[in-house]
């Protein structure tokens, strides 16, 4: 990640639940998909090059880390 990837994105349509800037480089690579509607959002990432123990998803307050 670069420093600009860690800055919050203020104009996100589903903010504060999703900070698009954190996923900018992954989204531009074409190996992920983000879907959102009024009630939920879904992020699909290609993680086949990781071992299961390398992955974790945390929800802190209203943020996914």
PDB file of N, CA and C in Angstrom:
ATOM      1  N   UNK A   1       0.825  -1.187   0.000  1.00  0.00           N
ATOM      2  CA  UNK A   1       0.000   0.000   0.000  1.00  0.00           C
ATOM      3  C   UNK A   1       0.863   1.242   0.000  1.00  0.00           C
ATOM      4  N   UNK A   2       0.344   2.280  -0.632  1.00  0.00           N
ATOM      5  CA  UNK A   2       0.997   3.572  -0.624  1.00  0.00           C
ATOM      6  C   UNK A   2       0.288   4.476   0.373  1.00  0.00           C
ATOM      7  N   UNK A   3       0.919   5.569   0.717  1.00  0.00           N
ATOM      8  CA  UNK A   3       0.330   6.487   1.689  1.00  0.00           C
ATOM      9  C   UNK A   3      -1.047   6.969   1.236  1.00  0.00           C
ATOM     10  N   UNK A   4      -1.211   7.245  -0.071  1.00  0.00           N
ATOM     11  CA  UNK A   4      -2.505   7.738  -0.542  1.00  0.00           C
ATOM     12  C   UNK A   4      -3.596   6.674  -0.443  1.00  0.00           C
ATOM     13  N   UNK A   5      -3.228   5.395  -0.385  1.00  0.00           N
ATOM     14  CA  UNK A   5      -4.216   4.335  -0.214  1.00  0.00           C
ATOM     15  C   UNK A   5      -4.827   4.341   1.180  1.00  0.00           C
ATOM     16  N   UNK A   6      -4.145   4.927   2.140  1.00  0.00           N
ATOM     17  CA  UNK A   6      -4.615   4.928   3.519  1.00  0.00           C
ATOM     18  C   UNK A   6      -5.445   6.152   3.875  1.00  0.00           C
ATOM     19  N   UNK A   7      -5.529   7.115   2.981  1.00  0.00           N
ATOM     20  CA  UNK A   7      -6.321   8.311   3.249  1.00  0.00           C
ATOM     21  C   UNK A   7      -7.794   7.999   3.014  1.00  0.00           C
ATOM     22  N   UNK A   8      -8.678   8.455   3.874  1.00  0.00           N
ATOM     23  CA  UNK A   8     -10.108   8.168   3.691  1.00  0.00           C
ATOM     24  C   UNK A   8     -10.663   8.852   2.451  1.00  0.00           C
ATOM     25  N   UNK A   9     -11.612   8.209   1.834  1.00  0.00           N
ATOM     26  CA  UNK A   9     -12.286   8.765   0.663  1.00  0.00           C
ATOM     27  C   UNK A   9     -13.620   9.331   1.123  1.00  0.00           C
ATOM     28  N   UNK A  10     -13.798  10.624   0.991  1.00  0.00           N
ATOM     29  CA  UNK A  10     -14.967  11.292   1.550  1.00  0.00           C
ATOM     30  C   UNK A  10     -16.205  11.199   0.676  1.00  0.00           C
ATOM     31  N   UNK A  11     -16.075  10.858  -0.590  1.00  0.00           N
ATOM     32  CA  UNK A  11     -17.226  10.888  -1.484  1.00  0.00           C
ATOM     33  C   UNK A  11     -17.787   9.509  -1.790  1.00  0.00           C
ATOM     34  N   UNK A  12     -17.434   8.511  -1.028  1.00  0.00           N
ATOM     35  CA  UNK A  12     -17.926   7.165  -1.281  1.00  0.00           C
ATOM     36  C   UNK A  12     -19.439   7.106  -1.099  1.00  0.00           C
ATOM     37  N   UNK A  13     -20.113   6.380  -1.977  1.00  0.00           N
ATOM     38  CA  UNK A  13     -21.569   6.283  -1.898  1.00  0.00           C
ATOM     39  C   UNK A  13     -22.029   5.428  -0.729  1.00  0.00           C
ATOM     40  N   UNK A  14     -21.168   4.591  -0.200  1.00  0.00           N
ATOM     41  CA  UNK A  14     -21.548   3.755   0.934  1.00  0.00           C
ATOM     42  C   UNK A  14     -20.699   4.060   2.155  1.00  0.00           C
ATOM     43  N   UNK A  15     -20.066   5.198   2.154  1.00  0.00           N
ATOM     44  CA  UNK A  15     -19.297   5.646   3.316  1.00  0.00           C
ATOM     45  C   UNK A  15     -20.258   5.827   4.479  1.00  0.00           C
ATOM     46  N   UNK A  16     -19.945   5.552   5.712  1.00  0.00           N
ATOM     47  CA  UNK A  16     -18.616   5.269   6.261  1.00  0.00           C
ATOM     48  C   UNK A  16     -18.265   3.791   6.308  1.00  0.00           C
ATOM     49  N   UNK A  17     -19.062   2.925   5.688  1.00  0.00           N
ATOM     50  CA  UNK A  17     -18.848   1.493   5.828  1.00  0.00           C
ATOM     51  C   UNK A  17     -17.731   0.962   4.946  1.00  0.00           C
ATOM     52  N   UNK A  18     -17.391   1.697   3.929  1.00  0.00           N
ATOM     53  CA  UNK A  18     -16.431   1.216   2.949  1.00  0.00           C
ATOM     54  C   UNK A  18     -15.547   2.366   2.525  1.00  0.00           C
ATOM     55  N   UNK A  19     -14.268   2.186   2.622  1.00  0.00           N
ATOM     56  CA  UNK A  19     -13.323   3.218   2.190  1.00  0.00           C
ATOM     57  C   UNK A  19     -12.701   2.757   0.884  1.00  0.00           C
ATOM     58  N   UNK A  20     -13.216   3.269  -0.207  1.00  0.00           N
ATOM     59  CA  UNK A  20     -12.803   2.824  -1.529  1.00  0.00           C
ATOM     60  C   UNK A  20     -11.303   2.981  -1.747  1.00  0.00           C
ATOM     61  N   UNK A  21     -10.693   3.993  -1.173  1.00  0.00           N
ATOM     62  CA  UNK A  21      -9.270   4.222  -1.396  1.00  0.00           C
ATOM     63  C   UNK A  21      -8.415   3.060  -0.914  1.00  0.00           C
ATOM     64  N   UNK A  22      -8.867   2.323   0.083  1.00  0.00           N
ATOM     65  CA  UNK A  22      -8.100   1.182   0.565  1.00  0.00           C
ATOM     66  C   UNK A  22      -8.020   0.075  -0.476  1.00  0.00           C
ATOM     67  N   UNK A  23      -8.989   0.017  -1.370  1.00  0.00           N
ATOM     68  CA  UNK A  23      -9.041  -1.037  -2.368  1.00  0.00           C
ATOM     69  C   UNK A  23      -8.714  -0.533  -3.767  1.00  0.00           C
ATOM     70  N   UNK A  24      -8.264   0.707  -3.893  1.00  0.00           N
ATOM     71  CA  UNK A  24      -8.046   1.307  -5.210  1.00  0.00           C
ATOM     72  C   UNK A  24      -7.143   0.459  -6.087  1.00  0.00           C
ATOM     73  N   UNK A  25      -5.981   0.059  -5.616  1.00  0.00           N
ATOM     74  CA  UNK A  25      -5.043  -0.688  -6.448  1.00  0.00           C
ATOM     75  C   UNK A  25      -5.591  -2.064  -6.813  1.00  0.00           C
ATOM     76  N   UNK A  26      -6.319  -2.699  -5.899  1.00  0.00           N
ATOM     77  CA  UNK A  26      -6.902  -4.007  -6.188  1.00  0.00           C
ATOM     78  C   UNK A  26      -8.015  -3.873  -7.212  1.00  0.00           C
ATOM     79  N   UNK A  27      -8.854  -2.867  -7.082  1.00  0.00           N
ATOM     80  CA  UNK A  27      -9.942  -2.671  -8.026  1.00  0.00           C
ATOM     81  C   UNK A  27      -9.426  -2.389  -9.423  1.00  0.00           C
ATOM     82  N   UNK A  28      -8.357  -1.622  -9.539  1.00  0.00           N
ATOM     83  CA  UNK A  28      -7.802  -1.289 -10.841  1.00  0.00           C
ATOM     84  C   UNK A  28      -7.118  -2.480 -11.493  1.00  0.00           C
ATOM     85  N   UNK A  29      -6.769  -3.494 -10.730  1.00  0.00           N
ATOM     86  CA  UNK A  29      -6.077  -4.650 -11.283  1.00  0.00           C
ATOM     87  C   UNK A  29      -7.027  -5.574 -12.043  1.00  0.00           C
ATOM     88  N   UNK A  30      -8.336  -5.440 -11.817  1.00  0.00           N
ATOM     89  CA  UNK A  30      -9.293  -6.273 -12.519  1.00  0.00           C
ATOM     90  C   UNK A  30      -9.528  -7.626 -11.883  1.00  0.00           C
ATOM     91  N   UNK A  31      -9.004  -7.882 -10.698  1.00  0.00           N
ATOM     92  CA  UNK A  31      -9.174  -9.196 -10.073  1.00  0.00           C
ATOM     93  C   UNK A  31     -10.116  -9.137  -8.880  1.00  0.00           C
ATOM     94  N   UNK A  32     -10.932  -8.115  -8.805  1.00  0.00           N
ATOM     95  CA  UNK A  32     -11.880  -8.005  -7.706  1.00  0.00           C
ATOM     96  C   UNK A  32     -13.186  -7.422  -8.219  1.00  0.00           C
ATOM     97  N   UNK A  33     -14.193  -7.503  -7.367  1.00  0.00           N
ATOM     98  CA  UNK A  33     -15.499  -6.961  -7.731  1.00  0.00           C
ATOM     99  C   UNK A  33     -16.156  -6.402  -6.477  1.00  0.00           C
ATOM    100  N   UNK A  34     -16.745  -5.231  -6.606  1.00  0.00           N
ATOM    101  CA  UNK A  34     -17.476  -4.609  -5.508  1.00  0.00           C
ATOM    102  C   UNK A  34     -18.898  -4.369  -5.980  1.00  0.00           C
ATOM    103  N   UNK A  35     -19.852  -4.826  -5.196  1.00  0.00           N
ATOM    104  CA  UNK A  35     -21.269  -4.599  -5.495  1.00  0.00           C
ATOM    105  C   UNK A  35     -21.899  -3.934  -4.282  1.00  0.00           C
ATOM    106  N   UNK A  36     -22.755  -2.976  -4.532  1.00  0.00           N
ATOM    107  CA  UNK A  36     -23.438  -2.322  -3.412  1.00  0.00           C
ATOM    108  C   UNK A  36     -24.871  -2.004  -3.795  1.00  0.00           C
ATOM    109  N   UNK A  37     -25.729  -2.034  -2.793  1.00  0.00           N
ATOM    110  CA  UNK A  37     -27.106  -1.571  -2.952  1.00  0.00           C
ATOM    111  C   UNK A  37     -27.508  -0.882  -1.659  1.00  0.00           C
ATOM    112  N   UNK A  38     -28.777  -0.642  -1.481  1.00  0.00           N
ATOM    113  CA  UNK A  38     -29.234   0.120  -0.312  1.00  0.00           C
ATOM    114  C   UNK A  38     -28.942  -0.571   1.013  1.00  0.00           C
ATOM    115  N   UNK A  39     -28.966  -1.896   1.028  1.00  0.00           N
ATOM    116  CA  UNK A  39     -28.889  -2.639   2.284  1.00  0.00           C
ATOM    117  C   UNK A  39     -27.543  -3.285   2.584  1.00  0.00           C
ATOM    118  N   UNK A  40     -26.708  -3.465   1.570  1.00  0.00           N
ATOM    119  CA  UNK A  40     -25.457  -4.188   1.800  1.00  0.00           C
ATOM    120  C   UNK A  40     -24.443  -3.877   0.706  1.00  0.00           C
ATOM    121  N   UNK A  41     -23.220  -4.299   0.952  1.00  0.00           N
ATOM    122  CA  UNK A  41     -22.209  -4.287  -0.088  1.00  0.00           C
ATOM    123  C   UNK A  41     -21.420  -5.582  -0.011  1.00  0.00           C
ATOM    124  N   UNK A  42     -20.892  -6.003  -1.150  1.00  0.00           N
ATOM    125  CA  UNK A  42     -20.142  -7.240  -1.255  1.00  0.00           C
ATOM    126  C   UNK A  42     -18.826  -6.943  -1.954  1.00  0.00           C
ATOM    127  N   UNK A  43     -17.747  -7.454  -1.399  1.00  0.00           N
ATOM    128  CA  UNK A  43     -16.431  -7.322  -2.012  1.00  0.00           C
ATOM    129  C   UNK A  43     -15.919  -8.724  -2.289  1.00  0.00           C
ATOM    130  N   UNK A  44     -15.612  -9.001  -3.554  1.00  0.00           N
ATOM    131  CA  UNK A  44     -15.076 -10.303  -3.928  1.00  0.00           C
ATOM    132  C   UNK A  44     -13.642 -10.099  -4.409  1.00  0.00           C
ATOM    133  N   UNK A  45     -12.705 -10.785  -3.763  1.00  0.00           N
ATOM    134  CA  UNK A  45     -11.284 -10.661  -4.084  1.00  0.00           C
ATOM    135  C   UNK A  45     -10.707 -12.019  -4.438  1.00  0.00           C
ATOM    136  N   UNK A  46      -9.781 -12.043  -5.377  1.00  0.00           N
ATOM    137  CA  UNK A  46      -9.052 -13.258  -5.708  1.00  0.00           C
ATOM    138  C   UNK A  46      -7.931 -13.415  -4.686  1.00  0.00           C
ATOM    139  N   UNK A  47      -8.064 -14.383  -3.798  1.00  0.00           N
ATOM    140  CA  UNK A  47      -7.081 -14.581  -2.725  1.00  0.00           C
ATOM    141  C   UNK A  47      -6.407 -15.952  -2.817  1.00  0.00           C
ATOM    142  N   UNK A  48      -6.447 -16.566  -3.988  1.00  0.00           N
ATOM    143  CA  UNK A  48      -5.913 -17.924  -4.113  1.00  0.00           C
ATOM    144  C   UNK A  48      -4.413 -18.013  -3.845  1.00  0.00           C
ATOM    145  N   UNK A  49      -3.695 -16.917  -3.939  1.00  0.00           N
ATOM    146  CA  UNK A  49      -2.258 -16.948  -3.686  1.00  0.00           C
ATOM    147  C   UNK A  49      -1.921 -16.779  -2.200  1.00  0.00           C
ATOM    148  N   UNK A  50      -2.939 -16.703  -1.339  1.00  0.00           N
ATOM    149  CA  UNK A  50      -2.744 -16.616   0.108  1.00  0.00           C
ATOM    150  C   UNK A  50      -3.131 -17.939   0.762  1.00  0.00           C
ATOM    151  N   UNK A  51      -2.496 -18.250   1.864  1.00  0.00           N
ATOM    152  CA  UNK A  51      -2.909 -19.379   2.696  1.00  0.00           C
ATOM    153  C   UNK A  51      -4.029 -18.892   3.613  1.00  0.00           C
ATOM    154  N   UNK A  52      -4.943 -19.771   4.029  1.00  0.00           N
ATOM    155  CA  UNK A  52      -6.043 -19.338   4.898  1.00  0.00           C
ATOM    156  C   UNK A  52      -5.584 -18.601   6.153  1.00  0.00           C
ATOM    157  N   UNK A  53      -4.469 -19.028   6.726  1.00  0.00           N
ATOM    158  CA  UNK A  53      -3.991 -18.358   7.939  1.00  0.00           C
ATOM    159  C   UNK A  53      -3.430 -16.961   7.669  1.00  0.00           C
ATOM    160  N   UNK A  54      -3.221 -16.614   6.400  1.00  0.00           N
ATOM    161  CA  UNK A  54      -2.740 -15.274   6.042  1.00  0.00           C
ATOM    162  C   UNK A  54      -3.873 -14.253   5.947  1.00  0.00           C
ATOM    163  N   UNK A  55      -5.108 -14.717   5.957  1.00  0.00           N
ATOM    164  CA  UNK A  55      -6.258 -13.841   5.737  1.00  0.00           C
ATOM    165  C   UNK A  55      -7.037 -13.608   7.019  1.00  0.00           C
ATOM    166  N   UNK A  56      -7.493 -12.388   7.190  1.00  0.00           N
ATOM    167  CA  UNK A  56      -8.405 -12.077   8.289  1.00  0.00           C
ATOM    168  C   UNK A  56      -9.251 -10.877   7.887  1.00  0.00           C
ATOM    169  N   UNK A  57     -10.459 -10.861   8.380  1.00  0.00           N
ATOM    170  CA  UNK A  57     -11.376  -9.746   8.153  1.00  0.00           C
ATOM    171  C   UNK A  57     -11.865  -9.301   9.517  1.00  0.00           C
ATOM    172  N   UNK A  58     -11.735  -8.022   9.786  1.00  0.00           N
ATOM    173  CA  UNK A  58     -12.178  -7.475  11.065  1.00  0.00           C
ATOM    174  C   UNK A  58     -13.221  -6.400  10.816  1.00  0.00           C
ATOM    175  N   UNK A  59     -14.211  -6.351  11.679  1.00  0.00           N
ATOM    176  CA  UNK A  59     -15.205  -5.284  11.658  1.00  0.00           C
ATOM    177  C   UNK A  59     -15.051  -4.529  12.964  1.00  0.00           C
ATOM    178  N   UNK A  60     -14.666  -3.282  12.856  1.00  0.00           N
ATOM    179  CA  UNK A  60     -14.480  -2.424  14.021  1.00  0.00           C
ATOM    180  C   UNK A  60     -15.397  -1.225  13.853  1.00  0.00           C
ATOM    181  N   UNK A  61     -16.340  -1.095  14.783  1.00  0.00           N
ATOM    182  CA  UNK A  61     -17.395  -0.085  14.676  1.00  0.00           C
ATOM    183  C   UNK A  61     -18.100  -0.281  13.341  1.00  0.00           C
ATOM    184  N   UNK A  62     -18.014   0.685  12.445  1.00  0.00           N
ATOM    185  CA  UNK A  62     -18.679   0.581  11.146  1.00  0.00           C
ATOM    186  C   UNK A  62     -17.689   0.404   9.999  1.00  0.00           C
ATOM    187  N   UNK A  63     -16.510  -0.130  10.284  1.00  0.00           N
ATOM    188  CA  UNK A  63     -15.474  -0.262   9.266  1.00  0.00           C
ATOM    189  C   UNK A  63     -15.048  -1.711   9.104  1.00  0.00           C
ATOM    190  N   UNK A  64     -14.792  -2.114   7.871  1.00  0.00           N
ATOM    191  CA  UNK A  64     -14.238  -3.426   7.572  1.00  0.00           C
ATOM    192  C   UNK A  64     -12.750  -3.232   7.357  1.00  0.00           C
ATOM    193  N   UNK A  65     -11.952  -4.000   8.089  1.00  0.00           N
ATOM    194  CA  UNK A  65     -10.490  -3.899   7.947  1.00  0.00           C
ATOM    195  C   UNK A  65      -9.933  -5.204   7.444  1.00  0.00           C
TER     196      UNK A  65
END
